[in-house]
Amino acid sequence: MRLMVLVMHDVNKLEPLISRFKDENISGTIINSTGMIQTLFGMNDEAIIGSLRQLLDMNREENRTILILLRESKIRRTVNIIEEIIGDLDTPNTGVVFTVPIDFMKGAYGLIED
């Protein structure tokens, strides 16, 4: 099992992504999140902010972080769905996805089967 973590920047694409996940029997947990750079911007530190301002969409206040438990065999398909909806993750300001191994799990999560 793997835990897939997706941090998506365009929250307007959340609903289409979740709808597509539902069609593919993929479910998880959605967390509202804010990046550290966005928080630094709010701290009013002009030395840090001046150089970062041009790198960021400063109007974006929050992201969505989605946590999904998957079998390794479903990782590639899930990443393909993500990129179909939110765009190529190699493009700046789309998002980031990664997985980490799960070496212990207890509880009836519900999506253990393929």
Protein backbone atom coordinates (compact mmCIF):
# COMPACT_ATOMS: atom_id res chain seq x y z
CA MET A 1 0.00 0.00 0.00
CA ARG A 2 1.01 3.58 -0.65
CA LEU A 3 -0.20 6.91 0.64
CA MET A 4 -0.52 9.32 -2.27
CA VAL A 5 -0.32 12.99 -1.35
CA LEU A 6 -1.54 15.54 -3.88
CA VAL A 7 -1.20 19.26 -3.24
CA MET A 8 -3.20 21.09 -5.89
CA HIS A 9 -2.97 24.82 -6.43
CA ASP A 10 -6.12 25.53 -8.46
CA VAL A 11 -8.97 24.85 -6.05
CA ASN A 12 -11.46 25.38 -8.90
CA LYS A 13 -10.38 22.03 -10.32
CA LEU A 14 -11.18 20.16 -7.11
CA GLU A 15 -14.79 19.29 -8.01
CA PRO A 16 -13.97 17.86 -11.47
CA LEU A 17 -11.08 15.89 -9.97
CA ILE A 18 -13.21 14.43 -7.18
CA SER A 19 -15.95 13.57 -9.68
CA ARG A 20 -13.42 11.71 -11.82
CA PHE A 21 -11.99 9.94 -8.77
CA LYS A 22 -15.52 8.81 -7.87
CA ASP A 23 -15.95 7.31 -11.36
CA GLU A 24 -12.71 5.35 -10.80
CA ASN A 25 -13.60 4.26 -7.22
CA ILE A 26 -10.78 6.34 -5.75
CA SER A 27 -11.46 8.10 -2.47
CA GLY A 28 -9.44 9.92 0.11
CA THR A 29 -9.33 12.85 2.48
CA ILE A 30 -9.26 16.52 1.45
CA ILE A 31 -7.44 19.05 3.62
CA ASN A 32 -7.45 22.82 3.18
CA SER A 33 -3.81 23.91 3.22
CA THR A 34 -1.66 27.00 2.85
CA GLY A 35 1.94 27.04 1.65
CA MET A 36 4.71 28.41 3.84
CA ILE A 37 5.60 31.05 1.26
CA GLN A 38 2.03 32.36 1.33
CA THR A 39 2.29 32.56 5.12
CA LEU A 40 5.63 34.36 4.89
CA PHE A 41 4.02 36.87 2.55
CA GLY A 42 1.49 37.61 5.25
CA MET A 43 4.29 38.28 7.76
CA ASN A 44 5.25 41.47 5.91
CA ASP A 45 8.97 40.69 5.71
CA GLU A 46 9.93 42.81 2.69
CA ALA A 47 13.41 41.24 2.31
CA ILE A 48 11.95 37.77 1.80
CA ILE A 49 8.80 38.84 0.02
CA GLY A 50 10.46 41.09 -2.55
CA SER A 51 12.29 38.19 -4.18
CA LEU A 52 9.40 35.75 -3.87
CA ARG A 53 6.60 38.03 -5.07
CA GLN A 54 7.39 37.44 -8.74
CA LEU A 55 7.35 33.65 -8.30
CA LEU A 56 3.89 33.40 -6.78
CA ASP A 57 0.27 33.92 -7.57
CA MET A 58 -0.22 36.11 -4.52
CA ASN A 59 -4.01 36.09 -4.93
CA ARG A 60 -4.12 32.37 -4.18
CA GLU A 61 -4.67 31.97 -0.48
CA GLU A 62 -4.99 28.25 -0.09
CA ASN A 63 -4.41 24.89 -1.71
CA ARG A 64 -6.08 21.54 -1.33
CA THR A 65 -4.12 18.55 -0.10
CA ILE A 66 -5.65 15.18 -0.92
CA LEU A 67 -4.56 11.98 0.84
CA ILE A 68 -5.35 8.69 -0.91
CA LEU A 69 -4.51 5.11 0.07
CA LEU A 70 -3.70 3.07 -3.04
CA ARG A 71 -2.25 -0.21 -4.13
CA GLU A 72 0.96 0.31 -6.09
CA SER A 73 -0.79 -0.99 -9.21
CA LYS A 74 -3.15 2.04 -9.17
CA ILE A 75 -0.55 4.80 -8.78
CA ARG A 76 0.15 5.44 -12.48
CA ARG A 77 -3.57 5.49 -13.36
CA THR A 78 -4.31 7.91 -10.53
CA VAL A 79 -1.49 10.26 -11.59
CA ASN A 80 -2.81 10.17 -15.17
CA ILE A 81 -6.27 11.20 -13.94
CA ILE A 82 -4.77 14.02 -11.87
CA GLU A 83 -2.86 15.38 -14.85
CA GLU A 84 -5.90 15.08 -17.14
CA ILE A 85 -7.82 17.36 -14.78
CA ILE A 86 -5.28 19.79 -13.32
CA GLY A 87 -2.61 19.71 -16.03
CA ASP A 88 0.98 18.58 -16.37
CA LEU A 89 2.49 18.61 -12.88
CA ASP A 90 5.83 19.69 -14.35
CA THR A 91 4.18 23.04 -15.14
CA PRO A 92 4.63 25.63 -12.36
CA ASN A 93 1.64 26.38 -10.12
CA THR A 94 -0.30 23.20 -10.92
CA GLY A 95 0.56 21.01 -7.96
CA VAL A 96 2.75 18.23 -6.69
CA VAL A 97 2.08 14.56 -6.07
CA PHE A 98 4.14 11.92 -4.30
CA THR A 99 3.69 8.60 -2.56
CA VAL A 100 5.08 7.11 0.61
CA PRO A 101 4.99 3.44 1.61
CA ILE A 102 2.55 2.34 4.28
CA ASP A 103 4.19 -0.27 6.46
CA PHE A 104 1.35 -0.49 8.97
CA MET A 105 -2.35 0.14 8.75
CA LYS A 106 -5.21 -0.80 11.00
CA GLY A 107 -8.85 0.01 10.36
CA ALA A 108 -11.42 -0.51 7.67
CA TYR A 109 -10.49 2.12 5.11
CA GLY A 110 -12.62 0.47 2.43
CA LEU A 111 -10.41 0.61 -0.66
CA ILE A 112 -8.04 -2.24 -0.05
CA GLU A 113 -9.32 -4.22 -3.03
CA ASP A 114 -8.38 -3.33 -6.63
